[in-house]
Amino acid sequence: IQPIALSNARISTFRPGAASRPATAFEQTLAQGQLRRIEAKEFLFAEGDTISHVYRIETGALALDKILTDGRRQVMGFAYPGDIVGLGIDDEYTMNAQAVKPTRVRCLPVTALRQSAARDPALGLKLYETMARELAATRDLMLTTGQRSAMERVAGFLLAFSRRNQRNGQDPASFELPMTRTDIGDFLGLTIETVSRTFTKLKLMHLIELAHSNHVKVLDIDVLAELADGNAKATPSK
């Protein structure tokens, strides 16, 4: 089996133990992986490290980032429970994976992944779908950081988190953001001050409530979506 040609990506569709179908060979192998706990700010792996394992997030969250040549940090995405990280091109991880809160992961040796791919033809299709999703996410990130205002970026970020909750059967209108304002800024290409000011503007517009800094309650999802698309005037309510 040839190495899987993927950059470090998320796969949110492998969920062992699903009642609706038998477990695939990959899921059976993954379920036997060891559990590992990492603390907030601890690295699961670093860019340039030799690929040894892939990891499924059990609890917590990771930021996937790269350090630019001028020393700035660019967060490429976040990984949440059920997501898989660590697939890579050639033999090295292509980005860093750092916990944004205490996180538990299940570890699968990459050799076991290749063996699973040999036994489970559906796995190849899943990995291909992951490549397509990651390419789309990269293009969207380029658009977000290059063409959108700060308000559009933050509104879009909150909207994406809300929709993710909805897909997973969780409350789309009330959620805890596991990452810091700095992490959000490094993802959206904004300073922490701009991120904080934009959250305050959204609160003054009565589009969100902040029970505390990381707990968001969305009050008007439709207007938030319009803001994310640049179709609403970003003026705080009087």
C-alpha atoms as a PDB file:
ATOM      1  CA  ILE A   1       0.000   0.000   0.000  1.00  0.00           C
ATOM      2  CA  GLN A   2       1.354   3.412  -0.962  1.00  0.00           C
ATOM      3  CA  PRO A   3       1.446   6.197   1.646  1.00  0.00           C
ATOM      4  CA  ILE A   4      -1.802   8.153   1.815  1.00  0.00           C
ATOM      5  CA  ALA A   5      -1.188  11.452   0.001  1.00  0.00           C
ATOM      6  CA  LEU A   6      -3.049  13.871   2.244  1.00  0.00           C
ATOM      7  CA  SER A   7      -2.067  16.917   4.227  1.00  0.00           C
ATOM      8  CA  ASN A   8      -2.947  16.964   7.929  1.00  0.00           C
ATOM      9  CA  ALA A   9      -6.697  16.976   7.719  1.00  0.00           C
ATOM     10  CA  ARG A  10      -9.875  16.351   9.616  1.00  0.00           C
ATOM     11  CA  ILE A  11     -12.179  13.418   8.942  1.00  0.00           C
ATOM     12  CA  SER A  12     -15.459  13.852  10.764  1.00  0.00           C
ATOM     13  CA  THR A  13     -17.283  10.825   9.397  1.00  0.00           C
ATOM     14  CA  PHE A  14     -15.513   7.887  11.068  1.00  0.00           C
ATOM     15  CA  ARG A  15     -17.513   7.157  14.211  1.00  0.00           C
ATOM     16  CA  PRO A  16     -16.908   3.670  15.637  1.00  0.00           C
ATOM     17  CA  GLY A  17     -19.856   1.869  17.134  1.00  0.00           C
ATOM     18  CA  ALA A  18     -22.505   3.437  14.901  1.00  0.00           C
ATOM     19  CA  ALA A  19     -25.659   1.413  15.457  1.00  0.00           C
ATOM     20  CA  SER A  20     -26.881   1.707  11.882  1.00  0.00           C
ATOM     21  CA  ARG A  21     -24.100  -0.360  10.269  1.00  0.00           C
ATOM     22  CA  PRO A  22     -21.261  -2.767  11.085  1.00  0.00           C
ATOM     23  CA  ALA A  23     -17.931  -1.213  12.001  1.00  0.00           C
ATOM     24  CA  THR A  24     -15.471  -0.944   9.124  1.00  0.00           C
ATOM     25  CA  ALA A  25     -11.980  -2.425   9.304  1.00  0.00           C
ATOM     26  CA  PHE A  26     -10.629   1.072   9.949  1.00  0.00           C
ATOM     27  CA  GLU A  27     -13.045   1.678  12.816  1.00  0.00           C
ATOM     28  CA  GLN A  28     -12.230  -1.697  14.354  1.00  0.00           C
ATOM     29  CA  THR A  29      -8.520  -0.904  14.201  1.00  0.00           C
ATOM     30  CA  LEU A  30      -8.986   2.607  15.557  1.00  0.00           C
ATOM     31  CA  ALA A  31     -11.022   1.342  18.510  1.00  0.00           C
ATOM     32  CA  GLN A  32      -7.957  -0.638  19.613  1.00  0.00           C
ATOM     33  CA  GLY A  33      -5.720   2.433  19.630  1.00  0.00           C
ATOM     34  CA  GLN A  34      -4.252   3.777  22.853  1.00  0.00           C
ATOM     35  CA  LEU A  35      -5.719   6.831  24.552  1.00  0.00           C
ATOM     36  CA  ARG A  36      -3.475   9.817  25.186  1.00  0.00           C
ATOM     37  CA  ARG A  37      -4.174  13.014  27.111  1.00  0.00           C
ATOM     38  CA  ILE A  38      -2.548  16.325  26.221  1.00  0.00           C
ATOM     39  CA  GLU A  39      -2.888  19.560  28.142  1.00  0.00           C
ATOM     40  CA  ALA A  40      -3.847  22.984  26.803  1.00  0.00           C
ATOM     41  CA  LYS A  41      -1.048  24.470  24.645  1.00  0.00           C
ATOM     42  CA  GLU A  42       0.715  21.095  24.423  1.00  0.00           C
ATOM     43  CA  PHE A  43       1.626  19.889  20.927  1.00  0.00           C
ATOM     44  CA  LEU A  44       0.313  16.567  19.684  1.00  0.00           C
ATOM     45  CA  PHE A  45       2.781  16.756  16.804  1.00  0.00           C
ATOM     46  CA  ALA A  46       4.836  19.437  15.070  1.00  0.00           C
ATOM     47  CA  GLU A  47       5.388  20.352  11.443  1.00  0.00           C
ATOM     48  CA  GLY A  48       8.323  18.370  10.081  1.00  0.00           C
ATOM     49  CA  ASP A  49       8.034  15.514  12.589  1.00  0.00           C
ATOM     50  CA  THR A  50       8.099  12.041  11.080  1.00  0.00           C
ATOM     51  CA  ILE A  51       4.574  10.673  10.742  1.00  0.00           C
ATOM     52  CA  SER A  52       4.094   7.819  13.184  1.00  0.00           C
ATOM     53  CA  HIS A  53       0.393   7.938  14.113  1.00  0.00           C
ATOM     54  CA  VAL A  54      -2.952   9.355  13.115  1.00  0.00           C
ATOM     55  CA  TYR A  55      -5.243  10.538  15.894  1.00  0.00           C
ATOM     56  CA  ARG A  56      -8.956  10.735  16.527  1.00  0.00           C
ATOM     57  CA  ILE A  57     -10.138  13.466  18.880  1.00  0.00           C
ATOM     58  CA  GLU A  58     -12.184  11.970  21.726  1.00  0.00           C
ATOM     59  CA  THR A  59     -12.650  15.092  23.869  1.00  0.00           C
ATOM     60  CA  GLY A  60     -11.321  18.642  23.703  1.00  0.00           C
ATOM     61  CA  ALA A  61     -10.075  20.439  20.594  1.00  0.00           C
ATOM     62  CA  LEU A  62      -6.919  21.093  18.587  1.00  0.00           C
ATOM     63  CA  ALA A  63      -5.695  24.032  16.524  1.00  0.00           C
ATOM     64  CA  LEU A  64      -3.921  23.060  13.297  1.00  0.00           C
ATOM     65  CA  ASP A  65      -1.415  25.761  12.405  1.00  0.00           C
ATOM     66  CA  LYS A  66       1.703  26.722  10.495  1.00  0.00           C
ATOM     67  CA  ILE A  67       4.371  29.260  11.438  1.00  0.00           C
ATOM     68  CA  LEU A  68       5.052  31.651   8.560  1.00  0.00           C
ATOM     69  CA  THR A  69       8.554  32.701   7.541  1.00  0.00           C
ATOM     70  CA  ASP A  70       8.151  36.043   9.336  1.00  0.00           C
ATOM     71  CA  GLY A  71       7.222  34.284  12.582  1.00  0.00           C
ATOM     72  CA  ARG A  72       3.489  34.861  12.414  1.00  0.00           C
ATOM     73  CA  ARG A  73       1.124  32.000  13.192  1.00  0.00           C
ATOM     74  CA  GLN A  74      -1.624  30.987  10.763  1.00  0.00           C
ATOM     75  CA  VAL A  75      -4.263  28.639  12.132  1.00  0.00           C
ATOM     76  CA  MET A  76      -5.486  26.486   9.248  1.00  0.00           C
ATOM     77  CA  GLY A  77      -8.414  24.971  11.114  1.00  0.00           C
ATOM     78  CA  PHE A  78      -9.649  23.334  14.289  1.00  0.00           C
ATOM     79  CA  ALA A  79     -10.285  19.673  15.087  1.00  0.00           C
ATOM     80  CA  TYR A  80     -13.094  18.570  17.391  1.00  0.00           C
ATOM     81  CA  PRO A  81     -14.352  15.271  18.872  1.00  0.00           C
ATOM     82  CA  GLY A  82     -14.807  12.700  16.111  1.00  0.00           C
ATOM     83  CA  ASP A  83     -12.272  14.379  13.802  1.00  0.00           C
ATOM     84  CA  ILE A  84      -9.068  12.650  12.720  1.00  0.00           C
ATOM     85  CA  VAL A  85      -5.734  14.438  12.314  1.00  0.00           C
ATOM     86  CA  GLY A  86      -2.243  13.376  11.342  1.00  0.00           C
ATOM     87  CA  LEU A  87      -2.591  12.152   7.774  1.00  0.00           C
ATOM     88  CA  GLY A  88       0.241  13.620   5.759  1.00  0.00           C
ATOM     89  CA  ILE A  89       2.107  13.942   2.502  1.00  0.00           C
ATOM     90  CA  ASP A  90       5.196  11.745   2.265  1.00  0.00           C
ATOM     91  CA  ASP A  91       6.639  10.981   5.698  1.00  0.00           C
ATOM     92  CA  GLU A  92       6.282  14.270   7.606  1.00  0.00           C
ATOM     93  CA  TYR A  93       3.468  16.157   9.280  1.00  0.00           C
ATOM     94  CA  THR A  94       2.789  19.315   7.294  1.00  0.00           C
ATOM     95  CA  MET A  95       1.496  21.443  10.175  1.00  0.00           C
ATOM     96  CA  ASN A  96       1.404  21.664  13.958  1.00  0.00           C
ATOM     97  CA  ALA A  97      -1.411  20.253  16.078  1.00  0.00           C
ATOM     98  CA  GLN A  98      -1.745  22.045  19.421  1.00  0.00           C
ATOM     99  CA  ALA A  99      -4.404  21.512  22.085  1.00  0.00           C
ATOM    100  CA  VAL A 100      -6.535  24.582  22.786  1.00  0.00           C
ATOM    101  CA  LYS A 101      -7.904  22.904  25.941  1.00  0.00           C
ATOM    102  CA  PRO A 102      -7.217  19.603  27.742  1.00  0.00           C
ATOM    103  CA  THR A 103      -7.753  16.991  25.053  1.00  0.00           C
ATOM    104  CA  ARG A 104      -7.914  13.205  24.782  1.00  0.00           C
ATOM    105  CA  VAL A 105      -6.997  11.470  21.533  1.00  0.00           C
ATOM    106  CA  ARG A 106      -6.939   7.869  20.371  1.00  0.00           C
ATOM    107  CA  CYS A 107      -3.673   6.971  18.633  1.00  0.00           C
ATOM    108  CA  LEU A 108      -3.446   4.736  15.559  1.00  0.00           C
ATOM    109  CA  PRO A 109      -0.052   3.786  14.068  1.00  0.00           C
ATOM    110  CA  VAL A 110       0.103   4.841  10.435  1.00  0.00           C
ATOM    111  CA  THR A 111       1.127   1.295   9.485  1.00  0.00           C
ATOM    112  CA  ALA A 112      -2.196   0.073  10.897  1.00  0.00           C
ATOM    113  CA  LEU A 113      -4.002   2.674   8.777  1.00  0.00           C
ATOM    114  CA  ARG A 114      -2.364   1.301   5.645  1.00  0.00           C
ATOM    115  CA  GLN A 115      -3.341  -2.228   6.618  1.00  0.00           C
ATOM    116  CA  SER A 116      -6.927  -1.066   7.174  1.00  0.00           C
ATOM    117  CA  ALA A 117      -6.933   0.575   3.749  1.00  0.00           C
ATOM    118  CA  ALA A 118      -5.935  -2.769   2.223  1.00  0.00           C
ATOM    119  CA  ARG A 119      -8.867  -4.527   3.939  1.00  0.00           C
ATOM    120  CA  ASP A 120     -11.474  -1.775   3.637  1.00  0.00           C
ATOM    121  CA  PRO A 121     -12.048  -0.369   0.103  1.00  0.00           C
ATOM    122  CA  ALA A 122     -14.496   2.206   1.498  1.00  0.00           C
ATOM    123  CA  LEU A 123     -11.632   3.802   3.416  1.00  0.00           C
ATOM    124  CA  GLY A 124      -9.978   4.976   0.191  1.00  0.00           C
ATOM    125  CA  LEU A 125     -13.196   6.731  -0.822  1.00  0.00           C
ATOM    126  CA  LYS A 126     -13.472   8.378   2.593  1.00  0.00           C
ATOM    127  CA  LEU A 127      -9.921   9.681   2.335  1.00  0.00           C
ATOM    128  CA  TYR A 128     -10.598  10.983  -1.178  1.00  0.00           C
ATOM    129  CA  GLU A 129     -13.662  12.819   0.130  1.00  0.00           C
ATOM    130  CA  THR A 130     -11.506  14.275   2.886  1.00  0.00           C
ATOM    131  CA  MET A 131      -9.065  15.635   0.305  1.00  0.00           C
ATOM    132  CA  ALA A 132     -11.924  17.373  -1.495  1.00  0.00           C
ATOM    133  CA  ARG A 133     -13.273  18.862   1.748  1.00  0.00           C
ATOM    134  CA  GLU A 134      -9.836  20.082   2.788  1.00  0.00           C
ATOM    135  CA  LEU A 135      -9.246  21.727  -0.589  1.00  0.00           C
ATOM    136  CA  ALA A 136     -12.607  23.494  -0.294  1.00  0.00           C
ATOM    137  CA  ALA A 137     -11.771  24.603   3.255  1.00  0.00           C
ATOM    138  CA  THR A 138      -8.397  25.974   2.129  1.00  0.00           C
ATOM    139  CA  ARG A 139     -10.037  27.978  -0.644  1.00  0.00           C
ATOM    140  CA  ASP A 140     -12.615  29.313   1.804  1.00  0.00           C
ATOM    141  CA  LEU A 141      -9.858  30.335   4.225  1.00  0.00           C
ATOM    142  CA  MET A 142      -8.099  32.230   1.428  1.00  0.00           C
ATOM    143  CA  LEU A 143     -11.344  34.053   0.648  1.00  0.00           C
ATOM    144  CA  THR A 144     -12.014  34.770   4.316  1.00  0.00           C
ATOM    145  CA  THR A 145      -8.612  36.276   5.045  1.00  0.00           C
ATOM    146  CA  GLY A 146      -8.283  38.083   1.732  1.00  0.00           C
ATOM    147  CA  GLN A 147     -11.634  39.585   0.808  1.00  0.00           C
ATOM    148  CA  ARG A 148     -13.934  39.817   3.845  1.00  0.00           C
ATOM    149  CA  SER A 149     -14.238  42.484   6.516  1.00  0.00           C
ATOM    150  CA  ALA A 150     -13.581  41.701  10.173  1.00  0.00           C
ATOM    151  CA  MET A 151     -17.338  41.608  10.828  1.00  0.00           C
ATOM    152  CA  GLU A 152     -17.911  39.173   7.966  1.00  0.00           C
ATOM    153  CA  ARG A 153     -15.059  36.937   9.136  1.00  0.00           C
ATOM    154  CA  VAL A 154     -16.210  36.703  12.763  1.00  0.00           C
ATOM    155  CA  ALA A 155     -19.874  36.294  11.790  1.00  0.00           C
ATOM    156  CA  GLY A 156     -18.902  33.534   9.366  1.00  0.00           C
ATOM    157  CA  PHE A 157     -16.812  31.816  12.024  1.00  0.00           C
ATOM    158  CA  LEU A 158     -19.709  31.791  14.511  1.00  0.00           C
ATOM    159  CA  LEU A 159     -22.124  30.682  11.806  1.00  0.00           C
ATOM    160  CA  ALA A 160     -19.867  27.749  10.880  1.00  0.00           C
ATOM    161  CA  PHE A 161     -19.642  26.683  14.532  1.00  0.00           C
ATOM    162  CA  SER A 162     -23.430  26.917  14.865  1.00  0.00           C
ATOM    163  CA  ARG A 163     -23.990  24.807  11.754  1.00  0.00           C
ATOM    164  CA  ARG A 164     -21.474  22.227  12.942  1.00  0.00           C
ATOM    165  CA  ASN A 165     -23.436  21.868  16.184  1.00  0.00           C
ATOM    166  CA  GLN A 166     -26.638  21.452  14.206  1.00  0.00           C
ATOM    167  CA  ARG A 167     -25.116  18.700  12.032  1.00  0.00           C
ATOM    168  CA  ASN A 168     -23.996  16.873  15.171  1.00  0.00           C
ATOM    169  CA  GLY A 169     -27.397  17.073  16.859  1.00  0.00           C
ATOM    170  CA  GLN A 170     -26.299  19.763  19.327  1.00  0.00           C
ATOM    171  CA  ASP A 171     -27.777  23.177  20.096  1.00  0.00           C
ATOM    172  CA  PRO A 172     -26.939  25.488  17.158  1.00  0.00           C
ATOM    173  CA  ALA A 173     -27.890  28.598  19.140  1.00  0.00           C
ATOM    174  CA  SER A 174     -25.809  28.080  22.282  1.00  0.00           C
ATOM    175  CA  PHE A 175     -22.251  26.787  22.389  1.00  0.00           C
ATOM    176  CA  GLU A 176     -18.885  27.004  24.093  1.00  0.00           C
ATOM    177  CA  LEU A 177     -15.931  28.100  21.977  1.00  0.00           C
ATOM    178  CA  PRO A 178     -12.947  25.994  23.106  1.00  0.00           C
ATOM    179  CA  MET A 179     -10.358  28.299  21.572  1.00  0.00           C
ATOM    180  CA  THR A 180      -9.072  31.688  22.732  1.00  0.00           C
ATOM    181  CA  ARG A 181      -9.587  35.018  20.989  1.00  0.00           C
ATOM    182  CA  THR A 182      -5.943  34.771  19.916  1.00  0.00           C
ATOM    183  CA  ASP A 183      -6.621  31.410  18.241  1.00  0.00           C
ATOM    184  CA  ILE A 184      -9.650  32.887  16.460  1.00  0.00           C
ATOM    185  CA  GLY A 185      -7.596  35.874  15.323  1.00  0.00           C
ATOM    186  CA  ASP A 186      -4.810  33.642  14.017  1.00  0.00           C
ATOM    187  CA  PHE A 187      -7.423  31.667  12.080  1.00  0.00           C
ATOM    188  CA  LEU A 188      -9.227  34.686  10.622  1.00  0.00           C
ATOM    189  CA  GLY A 189      -6.162  36.864  10.032  1.00  0.00           C
ATOM    190  CA  LEU A 190      -7.199  39.441  12.649  1.00  0.00           C
ATOM    191  CA  THR A 191      -5.607  40.878  15.776  1.00  0.00           C
ATOM    192  CA  ILE A 192      -6.977  39.840  19.150  1.00  0.00           C
ATOM    193  CA  GLU A 193      -8.162  43.429  19.674  1.00  0.00           C
ATOM    194  CA  THR A 194     -10.158  43.355  16.433  1.00  0.00           C
ATOM    195  CA  VAL A 195     -11.701  39.995  17.323  1.00  0.00           C
ATOM    196  CA  SER A 196     -12.746  41.295  20.756  1.00  0.00           C
ATOM    197  CA  ARG A 197     -14.188  44.528  19.319  1.00  0.00           C
ATOM    198  CA  THR A 198     -16.161  42.568  16.729  1.00  0.00           C
ATOM    199  CA  PHE A 199     -17.651  40.274  19.367  1.00  0.00           C
ATOM    200  CA  THR A 200     -18.683  43.396  21.283  1.00  0.00           C
ATOM    201  CA  LYS A 201     -20.307  44.878  18.159  1.00  0.00           C
ATOM    202  CA  LEU A 202     -22.275  41.681  17.562  1.00  0.00           C
ATOM    203  CA  LYS A 203     -23.436  41.809  21.177  1.00  0.00           C
ATOM    204  CA  LEU A 204     -24.515  45.468  20.847  1.00  0.00           C
ATOM    205  CA  MET A 205     -26.420  44.557  17.680  1.00  0.00           C
ATOM    206  CA  HIS A 206     -28.334  41.986  19.753  1.00  0.00           C
ATOM    207  CA  LEU A 207     -27.153  39.180  17.481  1.00  0.00           C
ATOM    208  CA  ILE A 208     -25.311  37.286  20.213  1.00  0.00           C
ATOM    209  CA  GLU A 209     -25.110  37.107  23.986  1.00  0.00           C
ATOM    210  CA  LEU A 210     -21.914  36.327  25.883  1.00  0.00           C
ATOM    211  CA  ALA A 211     -22.607  34.651  29.222  1.00  0.00           C
ATOM    212  CA  HIS A 212     -18.828  34.722  29.589  1.00  0.00           C
ATOM    213  CA  SER A 213     -16.007  35.225  27.125  1.00  0.00           C
ATOM    214  CA  ASN A 214     -16.283  31.799  25.461  1.00  0.00           C
ATOM    215  CA  HIS A 215     -19.985  30.955  25.780  1.00  0.00           C
ATOM    216  CA  VAL A 216     -21.958  32.270  22.813  1.00  0.00           C
ATOM    217  CA  LYS A 217     -25.727  32.397  22.447  1.00  0.00           C
ATOM    218  CA  VAL A 218     -26.884  33.259  18.928  1.00  0.00           C
ATOM    219  CA  LEU A 219     -30.009  35.436  19.024  1.00  0.00           C
ATOM    220  CA  ASP A 220     -30.626  35.915  15.293  1.00  0.00           C
ATOM    221  CA  ILE A 221     -29.048  33.284  13.069  1.00  0.00           C
ATOM    222  CA  ASP A 222     -30.551  34.747   9.875  1.00  0.00           C
ATOM    223  CA  VAL A 223     -29.028  38.198  10.334  1.00  0.00           C
ATOM    224  CA  LEU A 224     -25.734  36.590  11.377  1.00  0.00           C
ATOM    225  CA  ALA A 225     -25.761  34.672   8.083  1.00  0.00           C
ATOM    226  CA  GLU A 226     -26.456  37.890   6.172  1.00  0.00           C
ATOM    227  CA  LEU A 227     -23.540  39.569   7.916  1.00  0.00           C
ATOM    228  CA  ALA A 228     -21.273  36.663   7.016  1.00  0.00           C
ATOM    229  CA  ASP A 229     -22.282  37.103   3.367  1.00  0.00           C
ATOM    230  CA  GLY A 230     -21.776  40.867   3.473  1.00  0.00           C
ATOM    231  CA  ASN A 231     -25.494  41.503   2.931  1.00  0.00           C
ATOM    232  CA  ALA A 232     -26.331  43.382   6.126  1.00  0.00           C
ATOM    233  CA  LYS A 233     -25.174  46.755   7.414  1.00  0.00           C
ATOM    234  CA  ALA A 234     -22.893  46.218  10.401  1.00  0.00           C
ATOM    235  CA  THR A 235     -24.254  49.034  12.562  1.00  0.00           C
ATOM    236  CA  PRO A 236     -24.803  48.441  16.290  1.00  0.00           C
ATOM    237  CA  SER A 237     -28.341  48.943  17.557  1.00  0.00           C
ATOM    238  CA  LYS A 238     -28.982  52.188  19.427  1.00  0.00           C
END
